[in-house]
Amino acid sequence: MDYSYESEHTKFMREFLEKNPHMQEKRLAARSMWWDKNQNREENKEFKESSVPMKPYVYFNG
């Protein structure tokens, strides 16, 4: 099996990051702003426990 295939997108991203090394820092900053958050397990547990189960067929009120 040939594992040397590289998609056009991968080539583009590799070349882009080589030309713009500052983008890696921006990417990490944006990721930490939106995704890398500490989770509060107690708060998550309360959220799951307080949810109301969905009715079997939501488009029929009968």
PDB file of N, CA and C in Angstrom:
ATOM      1  N   MET A   1       0.844  -1.175   0.000  1.00  0.00           N
ATOM      2  CA  MET A   1       0.000   0.000   0.000  1.00  0.00           C
ATOM      3  C   MET A   1       0.892   1.241   0.000  1.00  0.00           C
ATOM      4  N   ASP A   2       0.519   2.199  -0.821  1.00  0.00           N
ATOM      5  CA  ASP A   2       1.314   3.419  -0.966  1.00  0.00           C
ATOM      6  C   ASP A   2       0.808   4.482   0.002  1.00  0.00           C
ATOM      7  N   TYR A   3       1.615   4.812   0.998  1.00  0.00           N
ATOM      8  CA  TYR A   3       1.242   5.811   1.997  1.00  0.00           C
ATOM      9  C   TYR A   3       1.852   7.180   1.694  1.00  0.00           C
ATOM     10  N   SER A   4       2.372   7.360   0.502  1.00  0.00           N
ATOM     11  CA  SER A   4       3.016   8.629   0.177  1.00  0.00           C
ATOM     12  C   SER A   4       2.046   9.640  -0.431  1.00  0.00           C
ATOM     13  N   TYR A   5       0.771   9.298  -0.546  1.00  0.00           N
ATOM     14  CA  TYR A   5      -0.224  10.225  -1.099  1.00  0.00           C
ATOM     15  C   TYR A   5      -0.390  11.421  -0.173  1.00  0.00           C
ATOM     16  N   GLU A   6      -0.481  12.582  -0.773  1.00  0.00           N
ATOM     17  CA  GLU A   6      -0.715  13.813  -0.020  1.00  0.00           C
ATOM     18  C   GLU A   6      -1.766  14.617  -0.787  1.00  0.00           C
ATOM     19  N   SER A   7      -2.868  14.917  -0.136  1.00  0.00           N
ATOM     20  CA  SER A   7      -3.963  15.626  -0.803  1.00  0.00           C
ATOM     21  C   SER A   7      -3.560  17.052  -1.145  1.00  0.00           C
ATOM     22  N   GLU A   8      -4.331  17.645  -2.049  1.00  0.00           N
ATOM     23  CA  GLU A   8      -4.087  19.024  -2.435  1.00  0.00           C
ATOM     24  C   GLU A   8      -4.232  19.953  -1.233  1.00  0.00           C
ATOM     25  N   HIS A   9      -5.207  19.663  -0.397  1.00  0.00           N
ATOM     26  CA  HIS A   9      -5.429  20.489   0.794  1.00  0.00           C
ATOM     27  C   HIS A   9      -4.238  20.403   1.739  1.00  0.00           C
ATOM     28  N   THR A  10      -3.719  19.215   1.952  1.00  0.00           N
ATOM     29  CA  THR A  10      -2.562  19.043   2.831  1.00  0.00           C
ATOM     30  C   THR A  10      -1.352  19.779   2.273  1.00  0.00           C
ATOM     31  N   LYS A  11      -1.150  19.672   0.964  1.00  0.00           N
ATOM     32  CA  LYS A  11      -0.026  20.396   0.340  1.00  0.00           C
ATOM     33  C   LYS A  11      -0.190  21.898   0.526  1.00  0.00           C
ATOM     34  N   PHE A  12      -1.412  22.388   0.273  1.00  0.00           N
ATOM     35  CA  PHE A  12      -1.666  23.814   0.412  1.00  0.00           C
ATOM     36  C   PHE A  12      -1.390  24.280   1.835  1.00  0.00           C
ATOM     37  N   MET A  13      -1.924  23.537   2.828  1.00  0.00           N
ATOM     38  CA  MET A  13      -1.741  23.943   4.222  1.00  0.00           C
ATOM     39  C   MET A  13      -0.276  23.902   4.633  1.00  0.00           C
ATOM     40  N   ARG A  14       0.437  22.869   4.213  1.00  0.00           N
ATOM     41  CA  ARG A  14       1.857  22.766   4.555  1.00  0.00           C
ATOM     42  C   ARG A  14       2.631  23.948   3.976  1.00  0.00           C
ATOM     43  N   GLU A  15       2.398  24.261   2.690  1.00  0.00           N
ATOM     44  CA  GLU A  15       3.088  25.380   2.052  1.00  0.00           C
ATOM     45  C   GLU A  15       2.672  26.716   2.678  1.00  0.00           C
ATOM     46  N   PHE A  16       1.388  26.866   2.960  1.00  0.00           N
ATOM     47  CA  PHE A  16       0.899  28.099   3.563  1.00  0.00           C
ATOM     48  C   PHE A  16       1.554  28.347   4.919  1.00  0.00           C
ATOM     49  N   LEU A  17       1.645  27.296   5.747  1.00  0.00           N
ATOM     50  CA  LEU A  17       2.243  27.451   7.068  1.00  0.00           C
ATOM     51  C   LEU A  17       3.749  27.680   6.995  1.00  0.00           C
ATOM     52  N   GLU A  18       4.379  27.141   5.968  1.00  0.00           N
ATOM     53  CA  GLU A  18       5.809  27.415   5.782  1.00  0.00           C
ATOM     54  C   GLU A  18       6.038  28.882   5.424  1.00  0.00           C
ATOM     55  N   LYS A  19       5.140  29.441   4.610  1.00  0.00           N
ATOM     56  CA  LYS A  19       5.262  30.837   4.196  1.00  0.00           C
ATOM     57  C   LYS A  19       4.801  31.805   5.288  1.00  0.00           C
ATOM     58  N   ASN A  20       3.905  31.365   6.148  1.00  0.00           N
ATOM     59  CA  ASN A  20       3.322  32.222   7.193  1.00  0.00           C
ATOM     60  C   ASN A  20       3.439  31.556   8.564  1.00  0.00           C
ATOM     61  N   PRO A  21       4.638  31.517   9.134  1.00  0.00           N
ATOM     62  CA  PRO A  21       4.806  30.818  10.418  1.00  0.00           C
ATOM     63  C   PRO A  21       4.041  31.462  11.575  1.00  0.00           C
ATOM     64  N   HIS A  22       3.701  32.742  11.469  1.00  0.00           N
ATOM     65  CA  HIS A  22       2.953  33.411  12.538  1.00  0.00           C
ATOM     66  C   HIS A  22       1.519  32.882  12.648  1.00  0.00           C
ATOM     67  N   MET A  23       1.017  32.241  11.599  1.00  0.00           N
ATOM     68  CA  MET A  23      -0.356  31.732  11.615  1.00  0.00           C
ATOM     69  C   MET A  23      -0.526  30.600  12.632  1.00  0.00           C
ATOM     70  N   GLN A  24       0.520  29.860  12.903  1.00  0.00           N
ATOM     71  CA  GLN A  24       0.440  28.779  13.884  1.00  0.00           C
ATOM     72  C   GLN A  24       0.132  29.337  15.271  1.00  0.00           C
ATOM     73  N   GLU A  25       0.761  30.455  15.606  1.00  0.00           N
ATOM     74  CA  GLU A  25       0.497  31.106  16.899  1.00  0.00           C
ATOM     75  C   GLU A  25      -0.940  31.619  16.964  1.00  0.00           C
ATOM     76  N   LYS A  26      -1.412  32.212  15.872  1.00  0.00           N
ATOM     77  CA  LYS A  26      -2.791  32.696  15.821  1.00  0.00           C
ATOM     78  C   LYS A  26      -3.785  31.537  15.947  1.00  0.00           C
ATOM     79  N   ARG A  27      -3.471  30.431  15.281  1.00  0.00           N
ATOM     80  CA  ARG A  27      -4.345  29.259  15.336  1.00  0.00           C
ATOM     81  C   ARG A  27      -4.457  28.733  16.762  1.00  0.00           C
ATOM     82  N   LEU A  28      -3.336  28.644  17.448  1.00  0.00           N
ATOM     83  CA  LEU A  28      -3.340  28.151  18.826  1.00  0.00           C
ATOM     84  C   LEU A  28      -4.086  29.108  19.752  1.00  0.00           C
ATOM     85  N   ALA A  29      -3.938  30.409  19.520  1.00  0.00           N
ATOM     86  CA  ALA A  29      -4.656  31.390  20.345  1.00  0.00           C
ATOM     87  C   ALA A  29      -6.160  31.275  20.127  1.00  0.00           C
ATOM     88  N   ALA A  30      -6.582  31.128  18.879  1.00  0.00           N
ATOM     89  CA  ALA A  30      -8.010  30.993  18.586  1.00  0.00           C
ATOM     90  C   ALA A  30      -8.561  29.697  19.158  1.00  0.00           C
ATOM     91  N   ARG A  31      -7.785  28.627  19.072  1.00  0.00           N
ATOM     92  CA  ARG A  31      -8.239  27.349  19.619  1.00  0.00           C
ATOM     93  C   ARG A  31      -8.424  27.443  21.133  1.00  0.00           C
ATOM     94  N   SER A  32      -7.493  28.072  21.811  1.00  0.00           N
ATOM     95  CA  SER A  32      -7.606  28.172  23.265  1.00  0.00           C
ATOM     96  C   SER A  32      -8.778  29.056  23.661  1.00  0.00           C
ATOM     97  N   MET A  33      -9.121  30.033  22.810  1.00  0.00           N
ATOM     98  CA  MET A  33     -10.250  30.913  23.112  1.00  0.00           C
ATOM     99  C   MET A  33     -11.582  30.157  23.009  1.00  0.00           C
ATOM    100  N   TRP A  34     -11.696  29.273  22.006  1.00  0.00           N
ATOM    101  CA  TRP A  34     -12.993  28.643  21.756  1.00  0.00           C
ATOM    102  C   TRP A  34     -13.095  27.213  22.273  1.00  0.00           C
ATOM    103  N   TRP A  35     -12.018  26.440  22.299  1.00  0.00           N
ATOM    104  CA  TRP A  35     -12.132  25.007  22.556  1.00  0.00           C
ATOM    105  C   TRP A  35     -11.448  24.513  23.823  1.00  0.00           C
ATOM    106  N   ASP A  36     -10.268  24.981  24.115  1.00  0.00           N
ATOM    107  CA  ASP A  36      -9.493  24.439  25.229  1.00  0.00           C
ATOM    108  C   ASP A  36      -9.951  25.060  26.547  1.00  0.00           C
ATOM    109  N   LYS A  37     -11.055  24.575  27.050  1.00  0.00           N
ATOM    110  CA  LYS A  37     -11.627  25.092  28.291  1.00  0.00           C
ATOM    111  C   LYS A  37     -11.653  23.987  29.340  1.00  0.00           C
ATOM    112  N   ASN A  38     -11.447  24.380  30.593  1.00  0.00           N
ATOM    113  CA  ASN A  38     -11.577  23.415  31.688  1.00  0.00           C
ATOM    114  C   ASN A  38     -13.053  23.096  31.887  1.00  0.00           C
ATOM    115  N   GLN A  39     -13.339  21.837  32.120  1.00  0.00           N
ATOM    116  CA  GLN A  39     -14.714  21.396  32.297  1.00  0.00           C
ATOM    117  C   GLN A  39     -15.054  21.303  33.773  1.00  0.00           C
ATOM    118  N   ASN A  40     -16.237  21.772  34.128  1.00  0.00           N
ATOM    119  CA  ASN A  40     -16.742  21.657  35.480  1.00  0.00           C
ATOM    120  C   ASN A  40     -17.663  20.431  35.516  1.00  0.00           C
ATOM    121  N   ARG A  41     -17.178  19.341  36.076  1.00  0.00           N
ATOM    122  CA  ARG A  41     -17.933  18.080  36.050  1.00  0.00           C
ATOM    123  C   ARG A  41     -19.262  18.176  36.802  1.00  0.00           C
ATOM    124  N   GLU A  42     -19.270  18.884  37.902  1.00  0.00           N
ATOM    125  CA  GLU A  42     -20.506  19.030  38.679  1.00  0.00           C
ATOM    126  C   GLU A  42     -21.553  19.809  37.882  1.00  0.00           C
ATOM    127  N   GLU A  43     -21.123  20.858  37.237  1.00  0.00           N
ATOM    128  CA  GLU A  43     -22.038  21.656  36.416  1.00  0.00           C
ATOM    129  C   GLU A  43     -22.568  20.830  35.239  1.00  0.00           C
ATOM    130  N   ASN A  44     -21.713  20.050  34.602  1.00  0.00           N
ATOM    131  CA  ASN A  44     -22.143  19.188  33.501  1.00  0.00           C
ATOM    132  C   ASN A  44     -23.149  18.146  33.983  1.00  0.00           C
ATOM    133  N   LYS A  45     -22.915  17.590  35.165  1.00  0.00           N
ATOM    134  CA  LYS A  45     -23.824  16.588  35.720  1.00  0.00           C
ATOM    135  C   LYS A  45     -25.201  17.212  35.977  1.00  0.00           C
ATOM    136  N   GLU A  46     -25.227  18.402  36.573  1.00  0.00           N
ATOM    137  CA  GLU A  46     -26.491  19.089  36.837  1.00  0.00           C
ATOM    138  C   GLU A  46     -27.222  19.407  35.532  1.00  0.00           C
ATOM    139  N   PHE A  47     -26.488  19.798  34.516  1.00  0.00           N
ATOM    140  CA  PHE A  47     -27.090  20.118  33.228  1.00  0.00           C
ATOM    141  C   PHE A  47     -27.762  18.882  32.625  1.00  0.00           C
ATOM    142  N   LYS A  48     -27.078  17.736  32.678  1.00  0.00           N
ATOM    143  CA  LYS A  48     -27.644  16.499  32.133  1.00  0.00           C
ATOM    144  C   LYS A  48     -28.868  16.054  32.925  1.00  0.00           C
ATOM    145  N   GLU A  49     -28.806  16.192  34.244  1.00  0.00           N
ATOM    146  CA  GLU A  49     -29.921  15.766  35.088  1.00  0.00           C
ATOM    147  C   GLU A  49     -31.148  16.659  34.908  1.00  0.00           C
ATOM    148  N   SER A  50     -30.973  17.906  34.542  1.00  0.00           N
ATOM    149  CA  SER A  50     -32.094  18.839  34.441  1.00  0.00           C
ATOM    150  C   SER A  50     -32.752  18.830  33.068  1.00  0.00           C
ATOM    151  N   SER A  51     -32.231  18.053  32.142  1.00  0.00           N
ATOM    152  CA  SER A  51     -32.820  18.056  30.804  1.00  0.00           C
ATOM    153  C   SER A  51     -34.163  17.327  30.799  1.00  0.00           C
ATOM    154  N   VAL A  52     -35.065  17.797  29.951  1.00  0.00           N
ATOM    155  CA  VAL A  52     -36.399  17.210  29.818  1.00  0.00           C
ATOM    156  C   VAL A  52     -36.373  16.273  28.620  1.00  0.00           C
ATOM    157  N   PRO A  53     -36.858  15.042  28.785  1.00  0.00           N
ATOM    158  CA  PRO A  53     -36.824  14.112  27.650  1.00  0.00           C
ATOM    159  C   PRO A  53     -37.733  14.577  26.520  1.00  0.00           C
ATOM    160  N   MET A  54     -37.300  14.351  25.281  1.00  0.00           N
ATOM    161  CA  MET A  54     -38.065  14.744  24.115  1.00  0.00           C
ATOM    162  C   MET A  54     -39.207  13.754  23.887  1.00  0.00           C
ATOM    163  N   LYS A  55     -40.331  14.276  23.436  1.00  0.00           N
ATOM    164  CA  LYS A  55     -41.467  13.409  23.132  1.00  0.00           C
ATOM    165  C   LYS A  55     -41.126  12.587  21.893  1.00  0.00           C
ATOM    166  N   PRO A  56     -41.775  11.416  21.739  1.00  0.00           N
ATOM    167  CA  PRO A  56     -41.423  10.523  20.635  1.00  0.00           C
ATOM    168  C   PRO A  56     -41.548  11.148  19.245  1.00  0.00           C
ATOM    169  N   TYR A  57     -42.617  11.908  19.013  1.00  0.00           N
ATOM    170  CA  TYR A  57     -42.795  12.511  17.677  1.00  0.00           C
ATOM    171  C   TYR A  57     -43.101  13.981  17.879  1.00  0.00           C
ATOM    172  N   VAL A  58     -42.123  14.816  17.613  1.00  0.00           N
ATOM    173  CA  VAL A  58     -42.231  16.229  17.962  1.00  0.00           C
ATOM    174  C   VAL A  58     -43.112  17.037  17.016  1.00  0.00           C
ATOM    175  N   TYR A  59     -43.461  16.470  15.839  1.00  0.00           N
ATOM    176  CA  TYR A  59     -44.234  17.235  14.861  1.00  0.00           C
ATOM    177  C   TYR A  59     -45.738  16.988  14.965  1.00  0.00           C
ATOM    178  N   PHE A  60     -46.167  16.225  15.944  1.00  0.00           N
ATOM    179  CA  PHE A  60     -47.579  15.900  16.108  1.00  0.00           C
ATOM    180  C   PHE A  60     -47.997  16.225  17.525  1.00  0.00           C
ATOM    181  N   ASN A  61     -48.992  17.074  17.690  1.00  0.00           N
ATOM    182  CA  ASN A  61     -49.440  17.488  19.020  1.00  0.00           C
ATOM    183  C   ASN A  61     -50.715  16.765  19.415  1.00  0.00           C
ATOM    184  N   GLY A  62     -50.811  15.504  19.208  1.00  0.00           N
ATOM    185  CA  GLY A  62     -52.057  14.823  19.493  1.00  0.00           C
ATOM    186  C   GLY A  62     -51.997  13.771  20.504  1.00  0.00           C
TER     187      GLY A  62
END
